[in-house]
Amino acid sequence: MKARWYSMGTMIIRGDNVRSAEMENALSSHPEVAACAVIGVPDGETGGRLHAVVVPRSGSSPDGEHLRAHCAELLADFKVPRGWEFVDALPTSPTGKVLKRSLRRPRWEDRERQIN
């Protein structure tokens, strides 16, 4: 059975409700992470999966497996992101809020069902 995936602001609904802030706090506690955002992205097998977009600290180069292990120590398994992306900066509003809609849009635009 495929999980139901959609986003409600800071919550990702995937059978089990997970707050992106909880995952982002765990990721941010890693010394090589300057900023991050966790979003739901489409997945052919489960309908969706957790995906982390990470801005590394200057001079560091973390990898997904290392960050996954860090998160696994702090979070339940179903809350650990399965996908990783490393970027120079996260899109933000004029007030500094991360624009997760901008991160999700390219991943969902060719899908019949859209999420915000």
PDB file of N, CA and C in Angstrom:
ATOM      1  N   MET A   1       0.842  -1.173   0.000  1.00  0.00           N
ATOM      2  CA  MET A   1       0.000   0.000   0.000  1.00  0.00           C
ATOM      3  C   MET A   1       0.890   1.241   0.000  1.00  0.00           C
ATOM      4  N   LYS A   2       0.568   2.180  -0.860  1.00  0.00           N
ATOM      5  CA  LYS A   2       1.345   3.405  -0.930  1.00  0.00           C
ATOM      6  C   LYS A   2       0.923   4.353   0.179  1.00  0.00           C
ATOM      7  N   ALA A   3       1.917   5.035   0.734  1.00  0.00           N
ATOM      8  CA  ALA A   3       1.623   6.027   1.761  1.00  0.00           C
ATOM      9  C   ALA A   3       1.003   7.258   1.121  1.00  0.00           C
ATOM     10  N   ARG A   4       0.142   7.940   1.867  1.00  0.00           N
ATOM     11  CA  ARG A   4      -0.397   9.219   1.416  1.00  0.00           C
ATOM     12  C   ARG A   4       0.630  10.289   1.723  1.00  0.00           C
ATOM     13  N   TRP A   5       0.978  11.066   0.712  1.00  0.00           N
ATOM     14  CA  TRP A   5       1.973  12.112   0.890  1.00  0.00           C
ATOM     15  C   TRP A   5       1.388  13.457   0.560  1.00  0.00           C
ATOM     16  N   TYR A   6       1.522  14.371   1.461  1.00  0.00           N
ATOM     17  CA  TYR A   6       1.252  15.764   1.173  1.00  0.00           C
ATOM     18  C   TYR A   6       1.880  16.598   2.268  1.00  0.00           C
ATOM     19  N   SER A   7       1.925  17.873   2.054  1.00  0.00           N
ATOM     20  CA  SER A   7       2.577  18.764   2.997  1.00  0.00           C
ATOM     21  C   SER A   7       1.574  19.762   3.539  1.00  0.00           C
ATOM     22  N   MET A   8       1.623  19.996   4.820  1.00  0.00           N
ATOM     23  CA  MET A   8       0.797  21.014   5.459  1.00  0.00           C
ATOM     24  C   MET A   8       1.735  21.953   6.200  1.00  0.00           C
ATOM     25  N   GLY A   9       2.245  22.947   5.503  1.00  0.00           N
ATOM     26  CA  GLY A   9       3.152  23.883   6.151  1.00  0.00           C
ATOM     27  C   GLY A   9       4.420  23.184   6.587  1.00  0.00           C
ATOM     28  N   THR A  10       4.580  23.010   7.888  1.00  0.00           N
ATOM     29  CA  THR A  10       5.791  22.404   8.409  1.00  0.00           C
ATOM     30  C   THR A  10       5.626  20.925   8.705  1.00  0.00           C
ATOM     31  N   MET A  11       4.494  20.336   8.330  1.00  0.00           N
ATOM     32  CA  MET A  11       4.283  18.914   8.576  1.00  0.00           C
ATOM     33  C   MET A  11       4.215  18.157   7.260  1.00  0.00           C
ATOM     34  N   ILE A  12       4.843  17.002   7.232  1.00  0.00           N
ATOM     35  CA  ILE A  12       4.801  16.123   6.073  1.00  0.00           C
ATOM     36  C   ILE A  12       3.961  14.918   6.473  1.00  0.00           C
ATOM     37  N   ILE A  13       2.890  14.679   5.740  1.00  0.00           N
ATOM     38  CA  ILE A  13       1.984  13.585   6.043  1.00  0.00           C
ATOM     39  C   ILE A  13       2.390  12.395   5.192  1.00  0.00           C
ATOM     40  N   ARG A  14       2.745  11.306   5.815  1.00  0.00           N
ATOM     41  CA  ARG A  14       3.171  10.135   5.061  1.00  0.00           C
ATOM     42  C   ARG A  14       2.768   8.847   5.780  1.00  0.00           C
ATOM     43  N   GLY A  15       1.507   8.743   6.141  1.00  0.00           N
ATOM     44  CA  GLY A  15       1.086   7.609   6.959  1.00  0.00           C
ATOM     45  C   GLY A  15       1.370   7.955   8.411  1.00  0.00           C
ATOM     46  N   ASP A  16       2.625   8.286   8.715  1.00  0.00           N
ATOM     47  CA  ASP A  16       3.009   8.818  10.019  1.00  0.00           C
ATOM     48  C   ASP A  16       3.284  10.296   9.802  1.00  0.00           C
ATOM     49  N   ASN A  17       2.758  11.141  10.657  1.00  0.00           N
ATOM     50  CA  ASN A  17       3.005  12.572  10.515  1.00  0.00           C
ATOM     51  C   ASN A  17       4.381  12.903  11.061  1.00  0.00           C
ATOM     52  N   VAL A  18       5.136  13.652  10.292  1.00  0.00           N
ATOM     53  CA  VAL A  18       6.456  14.068  10.749  1.00  0.00           C
ATOM     54  C   VAL A  18       6.592  15.573  10.563  1.00  0.00           C
ATOM     55  N   ARG A  19       7.123  16.229  11.549  1.00  0.00           N
ATOM     56  CA  ARG A  19       7.357  17.660  11.472  1.00  0.00           C
ATOM     57  C   ARG A  19       8.752  17.885  10.900  1.00  0.00           C
ATOM     58  N   SER A  20       8.815  18.657   9.840  1.00  0.00           N
ATOM     59  CA  SER A  20      10.104  18.901   9.207  1.00  0.00           C
ATOM     60  C   SER A  20      11.074  19.560  10.178  1.00  0.00           C
ATOM     61  N   ALA A  21      10.574  20.366  11.101  1.00  0.00           N
ATOM     62  CA  ALA A  21      11.446  21.050  12.060  1.00  0.00           C
ATOM     63  C   ALA A  21      12.239  20.056  12.914  1.00  0.00           C
ATOM     64  N   GLU A  22      11.608  18.938  13.276  1.00  0.00           N
ATOM     65  CA  GLU A  22      12.308  17.933  14.087  1.00  0.00           C
ATOM     66  C   GLU A  22      13.508  17.374  13.320  1.00  0.00           C
ATOM     67  N   MET A  23      13.307  17.068  12.056  1.00  0.00           N
ATOM     68  CA  MET A  23      14.395  16.532  11.239  1.00  0.00           C
ATOM     69  C   MET A  23      15.449  17.601  10.960  1.00  0.00           C
ATOM     70  N   GLU A  24      14.988  18.809  10.707  1.00  0.00           N
ATOM     71  CA  GLU A  24      15.926  19.913  10.440  1.00  0.00           C
ATOM     72  C   GLU A  24      16.763  20.240  11.670  1.00  0.00           C
ATOM     73  N   ASN A  25      16.170  20.154  12.859  1.00  0.00           N
ATOM     74  CA  ASN A  25      16.938  20.377  14.086  1.00  0.00           C
ATOM     75  C   ASN A  25      18.020  19.314  14.262  1.00  0.00           C
ATOM     76  N   ALA A  26      17.681  18.067  13.965  1.00  0.00           N
ATOM     77  CA  ALA A  26      18.666  16.988  14.071  1.00  0.00           C
ATOM     78  C   ALA A  26      19.805  17.217  13.081  1.00  0.00           C
ATOM     79  N   LEU A  27      19.464  17.554  11.841  1.00  0.00           N
ATOM     80  CA  LEU A  27      20.493  17.811  10.829  1.00  0.00           C
ATOM     81  C   LEU A  27      21.358  19.013  11.198  1.00  0.00           C
ATOM     82  N   SER A  28      20.709  20.073  11.659  1.00  0.00           N
ATOM     83  CA  SER A  28      21.437  21.300  12.000  1.00  0.00           C
ATOM     84  C   SER A  28      22.407  21.109  13.150  1.00  0.00           C
ATOM     85  N   SER A  29      22.184  20.078  13.956  1.00  0.00           N
ATOM     86  CA  SER A  29      23.094  19.831  15.072  1.00  0.00           C
ATOM     87  C   SER A  29      24.421  19.226  14.613  1.00  0.00           C
ATOM     88  N   HIS A  30      24.501  18.838  13.357  1.00  0.00           N
ATOM     89  CA  HIS A  30      25.754  18.294  12.824  1.00  0.00           C
ATOM     90  C   HIS A  30      26.708  19.455  12.549  1.00  0.00           C
ATOM     91  N   PRO A  31      27.961  19.343  12.950  1.00  0.00           N
ATOM     92  CA  PRO A  31      28.900  20.469  12.796  1.00  0.00           C
ATOM     93  C   PRO A  31      29.206  20.864  11.352  1.00  0.00           C
ATOM     94  N   GLU A  32      28.923  20.010  10.376  1.00  0.00           N
ATOM     95  CA  GLU A  32      29.212  20.345   8.983  1.00  0.00           C
ATOM     96  C   GLU A  32      28.013  20.943   8.247  1.00  0.00           C
ATOM     97  N   VAL A  33      26.886  21.148   8.950  1.00  0.00           N
ATOM     98  CA  VAL A  33      25.673  21.668   8.323  1.00  0.00           C
ATOM     99  C   VAL A  33      25.453  23.121   8.743  1.00  0.00           C
ATOM    100  N   ALA A  34      25.411  24.022   7.751  1.00  0.00           N
ATOM    101  CA  ALA A  34      25.140  25.433   8.025  1.00  0.00           C
ATOM    102  C   ALA A  34      23.646  25.706   8.042  1.00  0.00           C
ATOM    103  N   ALA A  35      22.908  25.105   7.111  1.00  0.00           N
ATOM    104  CA  ALA A  35      21.454  25.277   7.013  1.00  0.00           C
ATOM    105  C   ALA A  35      20.881  24.069   6.290  1.00  0.00           C
ATOM    106  N   CYS A  36      19.586  23.832   6.485  1.00  0.00           N
ATOM    107  CA  CYS A  36      18.957  22.696   5.815  1.00  0.00           C
ATOM    108  C   CYS A  36      17.450  22.868   5.766  1.00  0.00           C
ATOM    109  N   ALA A  37      16.838  22.092   4.891  1.00  0.00           N
ATOM    110  CA  ALA A  37      15.381  22.010   4.794  1.00  0.00           C
ATOM    111  C   ALA A  37      15.041  20.576   4.436  1.00  0.00           C
ATOM    112  N   VAL A  38      13.964  20.058   5.003  1.00  0.00           N
ATOM    113  CA  VAL A  38      13.512  18.703   4.696  1.00  0.00           C
ATOM    114  C   VAL A  38      12.135  18.819   4.041  1.00  0.00           C
ATOM    115  N   ILE A  39      11.990  18.160   2.892  1.00  0.00           N
ATOM    116  CA  ILE A  39      10.752  18.218   2.124  1.00  0.00           C
ATOM    117  C   ILE A  39      10.326  16.804   1.729  1.00  0.00           C
ATOM    118  N   GLY A  40       9.082  16.671   1.317  1.00  0.00           N
ATOM    119  CA  GLY A  40       8.595  15.410   0.769  1.00  0.00           C
ATOM    120  C   GLY A  40       8.734  15.453  -0.744  1.00  0.00           C
ATOM    121  N   VAL A  41       9.299  14.401  -1.339  1.00  0.00           N
ATOM    122  CA  VAL A  41       9.462  14.318  -2.791  1.00  0.00           C
ATOM    123  C   VAL A  41       8.819  13.024  -3.301  1.00  0.00           C
ATOM    124  N   PRO A  42       8.423  12.994  -4.571  1.00  0.00           N
ATOM    125  CA  PRO A  42       7.778  11.792  -5.102  1.00  0.00           C
ATOM    126  C   PRO A  42       8.719  10.595  -5.143  1.00  0.00           C
ATOM    127  N   ASP A  43       8.136   9.422  -4.943  1.00  0.00           N
ATOM    128  CA  ASP A  43       8.887   8.176  -5.005  1.00  0.00           C
ATOM    129  C   ASP A  43       7.975   7.134  -5.643  1.00  0.00           C
ATOM    130  N   GLY A  44       8.460   6.450  -6.656  1.00  0.00           N
ATOM    131  CA  GLY A  44       7.649   5.484  -7.382  1.00  0.00           C
ATOM    132  C   GLY A  44       7.160   4.319  -6.549  1.00  0.00           C
ATOM    133  N   GLU A  45       7.916   3.900  -5.562  1.00  0.00           N
ATOM    134  CA  GLU A  45       7.541   2.736  -4.771  1.00  0.00           C
ATOM    135  C   GLU A  45       6.591   3.068  -3.630  1.00  0.00           C
ATOM    136  N   THR A  46       6.883   4.141  -2.904  1.00  0.00           N
ATOM    137  CA  THR A  46       6.102   4.457  -1.709  1.00  0.00           C
ATOM    138  C   THR A  46       5.172   5.646  -1.889  1.00  0.00           C
ATOM    139  N   GLY A  47       5.272   6.331  -3.020  1.00  0.00           N
ATOM    140  CA  GLY A  47       4.468   7.524  -3.229  1.00  0.00           C
ATOM    141  C   GLY A  47       5.220   8.776  -2.860  1.00  0.00           C
ATOM    142  N   GLY A  48       6.122   8.685  -1.888  1.00  0.00           N
ATOM    143  CA  GLY A  48       6.917   9.833  -1.477  1.00  0.00           C
ATOM    144  C   GLY A  48       7.981   9.437  -0.478  1.00  0.00           C
ATOM    145  N   ARG A  49       8.971  10.287  -0.350  1.00  0.00           N
ATOM    146  CA  ARG A  49      10.040  10.038   0.626  1.00  0.00           C
ATOM    147  C   ARG A  49      10.571  11.363   1.135  1.00  0.00           C
ATOM    148  N   LEU A  50      11.269  11.314   2.244  1.00  0.00           N
ATOM    149  CA  LEU A  50      11.859  12.511   2.824  1.00  0.00           C
ATOM    150  C   LEU A  50      13.176  12.823   2.126  1.00  0.00           C
ATOM    151  N   HIS A  51      13.366  14.100   1.837  1.00  0.00           N
ATOM    152  CA  HIS A  51      14.546  14.553   1.103  1.00  0.00           C
ATOM    153  C   HIS A  51      15.123  15.767   1.823  1.00  0.00           C
ATOM    154  N   ALA A  52      16.399  15.736   2.115  1.00  0.00           N
ATOM    155  CA  ALA A  52      17.059  16.845   2.804  1.00  0.00           C
ATOM    156  C   ALA A  52      17.862  17.671   1.808  1.00  0.00           C
ATOM    157  N   VAL A  53      17.689  18.979   1.876  1.00  0.00           N
ATOM    158  CA  VAL A  53      18.478  19.920   1.088  1.00  0.00           C
ATOM    159  C   VAL A  53      19.392  20.617   2.086  1.00  0.00           C
ATOM    160  N   VAL A  54      20.699  20.464   1.902  1.00  0.00           N
ATOM    161  CA  VAL A  54      21.671  20.881   2.909  1.00  0.00           C
ATOM    162  C   VAL A  54      22.651  21.908   2.348  1.00  0.00           C
ATOM    163  N   VAL A  55      22.897  22.949   3.147  1.00  0.00           N
ATOM    164  CA  VAL A  55      23.956  23.914   2.849  1.00  0.00           C
ATOM    165  C   VAL A  55      25.114  23.559   3.788  1.00  0.00           C
ATOM    166  N   PRO A  56      26.233  23.070   3.241  1.00  0.00           N
ATOM    167  CA  PRO A  56      27.367  22.720   4.099  1.00  0.00           C
ATOM    168  C   PRO A  56      28.032  23.963   4.687  1.00  0.00           C
ATOM    169  N   ARG A  57      28.631  23.799   5.851  1.00  0.00           N
ATOM    170  CA  ARG A  57      29.442  24.885   6.427  1.00  0.00           C
ATOM    171  C   ARG A  57      30.636  25.125   5.522  1.00  0.00           C
ATOM    172  N   SER A  58      31.104  26.326   5.517  1.00  0.00           N
ATOM    173  CA  SER A  58      32.263  26.690   4.707  1.00  0.00           C
ATOM    174  C   SER A  58      33.451  25.786   5.048  1.00  0.00           C
ATOM    175  N   GLY A  59      34.066  25.248   4.020  1.00  0.00           N
ATOM    176  CA  GLY A  59      35.242  24.399   4.210  1.00  0.00           C
ATOM    177  C   GLY A  59      34.932  22.948   4.522  1.00  0.00           C
ATOM    178  N   SER A  60      33.664  22.579   4.571  1.00  0.00           N
ATOM    179  CA  SER A  60      33.329  21.182   4.855  1.00  0.00           C
ATOM    180  C   SER A  60      32.620  20.572   3.654  1.00  0.00           C
ATOM    181  N   SER A  61      32.619  19.261   3.615  1.00  0.00           N
ATOM    182  CA  SER A  61      31.934  18.558   2.524  1.00  0.00           C
ATOM    183  C   SER A  61      31.288  17.284   3.066  1.00  0.00           C
ATOM    184  N   PRO A  62      30.156  17.446   3.786  1.00  0.00           N
ATOM    185  CA  PRO A  62      29.481  16.262   4.329  1.00  0.00           C
ATOM    186  C   PRO A  62      28.894  15.412   3.211  1.00  0.00           C
ATOM    187  N   ASP A  63      28.674  14.138   3.500  1.00  0.00           N
ATOM    188  CA  ASP A  63      28.009  13.278   2.521  1.00  0.00           C
ATOM    189  C   ASP A  63      26.738  12.714   3.146  1.00  0.00           C
ATOM    190  N   GLY A  64      25.842  12.270   2.285  1.00  0.00           N
ATOM    191  CA  GLY A  64      24.547  11.786   2.731  1.00  0.00           C
ATOM    192  C   GLY A  64      24.606  10.640   3.721  1.00  0.00           C
ATOM    193  N   GLU A  65      25.498   9.693   3.506  1.00  0.00           N
ATOM    194  CA  GLU A  65      25.586   8.538   4.411  1.00  0.00           C
ATOM    195  C   GLU A  65      26.031   8.961   5.807  1.00  0.00           C
ATOM    196  N   HIS A  66      26.958   9.894   5.863  1.00  0.00           N
ATOM    197  CA  HIS A  66      27.444  10.394   7.156  1.00  0.00           C
ATOM    198  C   HIS A  66      26.316  11.134   7.890  1.00  0.00           C
ATOM    199  N   LEU A  67      25.580  11.968   7.157  1.00  0.00           N
ATOM    200  CA  LEU A  67      24.466  12.696   7.763  1.00  0.00           C
ATOM    201  C   LEU A  67      23.322  11.758   8.125  1.00  0.00           C
ATOM    202  N   ARG A  68      23.094  10.730   7.313  1.00  0.00           N
ATOM    203  CA  ARG A  68      22.048   9.746   7.619  1.00  0.00           C
ATOM    204  C   ARG A  68      22.361   9.045   8.949  1.00  0.00           C
ATOM    205  N   ALA A  69      23.618   8.679   9.158  1.00  0.00           N
ATOM    206  CA  ALA A  69      24.011   8.027  10.408  1.00  0.00           C
ATOM    207  C   ALA A  69      23.807   8.967  11.597  1.00  0.00           C
ATOM    208  N   HIS A  70      24.140  10.233  11.409  1.00  0.00           N
ATOM    209  CA  HIS A  70      23.942  11.232  12.469  1.00  0.00           C
ATOM    210  C   HIS A  70      22.450  11.336  12.825  1.00  0.00           C
ATOM    211  N   CYS A  71      21.601  11.426  11.814  1.00  0.00           N
ATOM    212  CA  CYS A  71      20.158  11.535  12.040  1.00  0.00           C
ATOM    213  C   CYS A  71      19.597  10.280  12.678  1.00  0.00           C
ATOM    214  N   ALA A  72      20.110   9.117  12.296  1.00  0.00           N
ATOM    215  CA  ALA A  72      19.624   7.845  12.827  1.00  0.00           C
ATOM    216  C   ALA A  72      19.856   7.744  14.337  1.00  0.00           C
ATOM    217  N   GLU A  73      20.862   8.446  14.841  1.00  0.00           N
ATOM    218  CA  GLU A  73      21.118   8.459  16.283  1.00  0.00           C
ATOM    219  C   GLU A  73      20.105   9.315  17.028  1.00  0.00           C
ATOM    220  N   LEU A  74      19.488  10.270  16.323  1.00  0.00           N
ATOM    221  CA  LEU A  74      18.612  11.247  16.972  1.00  0.00           C
ATOM    222  C   LEU A  74      17.128  11.081  16.656  1.00  0.00           C
ATOM    223  N   LEU A  75      16.818  10.358  15.578  1.00  0.00           N
ATOM    224  CA  LEU A  75      15.439  10.271  15.099  1.00  0.00           C
ATOM    225  C   LEU A  75      15.005   8.819  14.907  1.00  0.00           C
ATOM    226  N   ALA A  76      13.701   8.613  14.926  1.00  0.00           N
ATOM    227  CA  ALA A  76      13.159   7.305  14.556  1.00  0.00           C
ATOM    228  C   ALA A  76      13.487   7.052  13.092  1.00  0.00           C
ATOM    229  N   ASP A  77      13.609   5.791  12.708  1.00  0.00           N
ATOM    230  CA  ASP A  77      14.022   5.442  11.344  1.00  0.00           C
ATOM    231  C   ASP A  77      13.140   6.080  10.273  1.00  0.00           C
ATOM    232  N   PHE A  78      11.820   6.116  10.485  1.00  0.00           N
ATOM    233  CA  PHE A  78      10.943   6.658   9.447  1.00  0.00           C
ATOM    234  C   PHE A  78      11.085   8.173   9.286  1.00  0.00           C
ATOM    235  N   LYS A  79      11.794   8.832  10.205  1.00  0.00           N
ATOM    236  CA  LYS A  79      12.011  10.277  10.115  1.00  0.00           C
ATOM    237  C   LYS A  79      13.359  10.636   9.494  1.00  0.00           C
ATOM    238  N   VAL A  80      14.185   9.659   9.214  1.00  0.00           N
ATOM    239  CA  VAL A  80      15.506   9.929   8.631  1.00  0.00           C
ATOM    240  C   VAL A  80      15.347  10.129   7.124  1.00  0.00           C
ATOM    241  N   PRO A  81      15.814  11.264   6.596  1.00  0.00           N
ATOM    242  CA  PRO A  81      15.715  11.491   5.147  1.00  0.00           C
ATOM    243  C   PRO A  81      16.422  10.396   4.365  1.00  0.00           C
ATOM    244  N   ARG A  82      15.839  10.046   3.218  1.00  0.00           N
ATOM    245  CA  ARG A  82      16.429   9.026   2.340  1.00  0.00           C
ATOM    246  C   ARG A  82      17.166   9.645   1.160  1.00  0.00           C
ATOM    247  N   GLY A  83      16.826  10.875   0.820  1.00  0.00           N
ATOM    248  CA  GLY A  83      17.493  11.569  -0.277  1.00  0.00           C
ATOM    249  C   GLY A  83      18.251  12.774   0.248  1.00  0.00           C
ATOM    250  N   TRP A  84      19.340  13.111  -0.420  1.00  0.00           N
ATOM    251  CA  TRP A  84      20.200  14.215   0.015  1.00  0.00           C
ATOM    252  C   TRP A  84      20.589  15.058  -1.180  1.00  0.00           C
ATOM    253  N   GLU A  85      20.635  16.347  -0.957  1.00  0.00           N
ATOM    254  CA  GLU A  85      21.070  17.290  -1.984  1.00  0.00           C
ATOM    255  C   GLU A  85      21.870  18.375  -1.281  1.00  0.00           C
ATOM    256  N   PHE A  86      22.990  18.738  -1.862  1.00  0.00           N
ATOM    257  CA  PHE A  86      23.847  19.761  -1.276  1.00  0.00           C
ATOM    258  C   PHE A  86      23.852  20.978  -2.180  1.00  0.00           C
ATOM    259  N   VAL A  87      23.548  22.137  -1.600  1.00  0.00           N
ATOM    260  CA  VAL A  87      23.423  23.383  -2.355  1.00  0.00           C
ATOM    261  C   VAL A  87      24.235  24.480  -1.679  1.00  0.00           C
ATOM    262  N   ASP A  88      24.461  25.564  -2.429  1.00  0.00           N
ATOM    263  CA  ASP A  88      25.196  26.709  -1.876  1.00  0.00           C
ATOM    264  C   ASP A  88      24.326  27.565  -0.965  1.00  0.00           C
ATOM    265  N   ALA A  89      23.027  27.637  -1.250  1.00  0.00           N
ATOM    266  CA  ALA A  89      22.111  28.444  -0.451  1.00  0.00           C
ATOM    267  C   ALA A  89      20.692  27.929  -0.627  1.00  0.00           C
ATOM    268  N   LEU A  90      19.860  28.163   0.371  1.00  0.00           N
ATOM    269  CA  LEU A  90      18.441  27.822   0.306  1.00  0.00           C
ATOM    270  C   LEU A  90      17.669  29.060  -0.145  1.00  0.00           C
ATOM    271  N   PRO A  91      16.592  28.869  -0.924  1.00  0.00           N
ATOM    272  CA  PRO A  91      15.779  30.023  -1.308  1.00  0.00           C
ATOM    273  C   PRO A  91      15.047  30.559  -0.079  1.00  0.00           C
ATOM    274  N   THR A  92      15.078  31.875   0.102  1.00  0.00           N
ATOM    275  CA  THR A  92      14.425  32.483   1.260  1.00  0.00           C
ATOM    276  C   THR A  92      13.565  33.671   0.856  1.00  0.00           C
ATOM    277  N   SER A  93      12.605  33.971   1.700  1.00  0.00           N
ATOM    278  CA  SER A  93      11.745  35.141   1.507  1.00  0.00           C
ATOM    279  C   SER A  93      12.516  36.376   1.988  1.00  0.00           C
ATOM    280  N   PRO A  94      11.988  37.557   1.758  1.00  0.00           N
ATOM    281  CA  PRO A  94      12.646  38.766   2.261  1.00  0.00           C
ATOM    282  C   PRO A  94      12.809  38.782   3.786  1.00  0.00           C
ATOM    283  N   THR A  95      11.979  38.014   4.488  1.00  0.00           N
ATOM    284  CA  THR A  95      12.096  37.957   5.949  1.00  0.00           C
ATOM    285  C   THR A  95      13.026  36.839   6.422  1.00  0.00           C
ATOM    286  N   GLY A  96      13.593  36.078   5.476  1.00  0.00           N
ATOM    287  CA  GLY A  96      14.548  35.025   5.831  1.00  0.00           C
ATOM    288  C   GLY A  96      13.953  33.640   5.982  1.00  0.00           C
ATOM    289  N   LYS A  97      12.660  33.486   5.742  1.00  0.00           N
ATOM    290  CA  LYS A  97      12.025  32.167   5.842  1.00  0.00           C
ATOM    291  C   LYS A  97      12.399  31.327   4.622  1.00  0.00           C
ATOM    292  N   VAL A  98      12.750  30.058   4.851  1.00  0.00           N
ATOM    293  CA  VAL A  98      13.084  29.158   3.749  1.00  0.00           C
ATOM    294  C   VAL A  98      11.825  28.879   2.937  1.00  0.00           C
ATOM    295  N   LEU A  99      11.935  29.042   1.621  1.00  0.00           N
ATOM    296  CA  LEU A  99      10.802  28.831   0.714  1.00  0.00           C
ATOM    297  C   LEU A  99      10.784  27.373   0.246  1.00  0.00           C
ATOM    298  N   LYS A 100      10.196  26.518   1.062  1.00  0.00           N
ATOM    299  CA  LYS A 100      10.162  25.085   0.748  1.00  0.00           C
ATOM    300  C   LYS A 100       9.352  24.813  -0.509  1.00  0.00           C
ATOM    301  N   ARG A 101       8.358  25.636  -0.772  1.00  0.00           N
ATOM    302  CA  ARG A 101       7.570  25.482  -1.993  1.00  0.00           C
ATOM    303  C   ARG A 101       8.488  25.555  -3.211  1.00  0.00           C
ATOM    304  N   SER A 102       9.470  26.441  -3.179  1.00  0.00           N
ATOM    305  CA  SER A 102      10.421  26.562  -4.285  1.00  0.00           C
ATOM    306  C   SER A 102      11.304  25.328  -4.401  1.00  0.00           C
ATOM    307  N   LEU A 103      11.582  24.681  -3.287  1.00  0.00           N
ATOM    308  CA  LEU A 103      12.381  23.445  -3.310  1.00  0.00           C
ATOM    309  C   LEU A 103      11.555  22.273  -3.830  1.00  0.00           C
ATOM    310  N   ARG A 104      10.268  22.223  -3.473  1.00  0.00           N
ATOM    311  CA  ARG A 104       9.395  21.115  -3.879  1.00  0.00           C
ATOM    312  C   ARG A 104       8.927  21.216  -5.328  1.00  0.00           C
ATOM    313  N   ARG A 105       8.640  22.417  -5.782  1.00  0.00           N
ATOM    314  CA  ARG A 105       7.986  22.615  -7.089  1.00  0.00           C
ATOM    315  C   ARG A 105       8.629  21.828  -8.228  1.00  0.00           C
ATOM    316  N   PRO A 106       9.953  21.906  -8.447  1.00  0.00           N
ATOM    317  CA  PRO A 106      10.514  21.181  -9.591  1.00  0.00           C
ATOM    318  C   PRO A 106      10.382  19.662  -9.487  1.00  0.00           C
ATOM    319  N   ARG A 107      10.233  19.147  -8.304  1.00  0.00           N
ATOM    320  CA  ARG A 107      10.136  17.701  -8.115  1.00  0.00           C
ATOM    321  C   ARG A 107       8.719  17.180  -8.337  1.00  0.00           C
ATOM    322  N   TRP A 108       7.726  18.058  -8.238  1.00  0.00           N
ATOM    323  CA  TRP A 108       6.332  17.658  -8.349  1.00  0.00           C
ATOM    324  C   TRP A 108       5.652  18.183  -9.605  1.00  0.00           C
ATOM    325  N   GLU A 109       6.287  19.086 -10.366  1.00  0.00           N
ATOM    326  CA  GLU A 109       5.598  19.765 -11.461  1.00  0.00           C
ATOM    327  C   GLU A 109       5.093  18.848 -12.568  1.00  0.00           C
ATOM    328  N   ASP A 110       5.723  17.714 -12.810  1.00  0.00           N
ATOM    329  CA  ASP A 110       5.260  16.818 -13.867  1.00  0.00           C
ATOM    330  C   ASP A 110       4.336  15.724 -13.336  1.00  0.00           C
ATOM    331  N   ARG A 111       3.881  15.865 -12.087  1.00  0.00           N
ATOM    332  CA  ARG A 111       3.006  14.878 -11.468  1.00  0.00           C
ATOM    333  C   ARG A 111       1.545  15.292 -11.603  1.00  0.00           C
ATOM    334  N   GLU A 112       0.692  14.302 -11.652  1.00  0.00           N
ATOM    335  CA  GLU A 112      -0.746  14.572 -11.725  1.00  0.00           C
ATOM    336  C   GLU A 112      -1.207  15.242 -10.421  1.00  0.00           C
ATOM    337  N   ARG A 113      -0.717  14.748  -9.308  1.00  0.00           N
ATOM    338  CA  ARG A 113      -1.081  15.309  -8.011  1.00  0.00           C
ATOM    339  C   ARG A 113       0.027  16.250  -7.565  1.00  0.00           C
ATOM    340  N   GLN A 114      -0.347  17.446  -7.184  1.00  0.00           N
ATOM    341  CA  GLN A 114       0.608  18.461  -6.739  1.00  0.00           C
ATOM    342  C   GLN A 114       0.515  18.630  -5.232  1.00  0.00           C
ATOM    343  N   ILE A 115       1.625  19.074  -4.625  1.00  0.00           N
ATOM    344  CA  ILE A 115       1.593  19.476  -3.233  1.00  0.00           C
ATOM    345  C   ILE A 115       2.157  20.879  -3.153  1.00  0.00           C
ATOM    346  N   ASN A 116       1.825  21.588  -2.096  1.00  0.00           N
ATOM    347  CA  ASN A 116       2.345  22.949  -1.902  1.00  0.00           C
ATOM    348  C   ASN A 116       3.569  22.936  -1.049  1.00  0.00           C
TER     349      ASN A 116
END
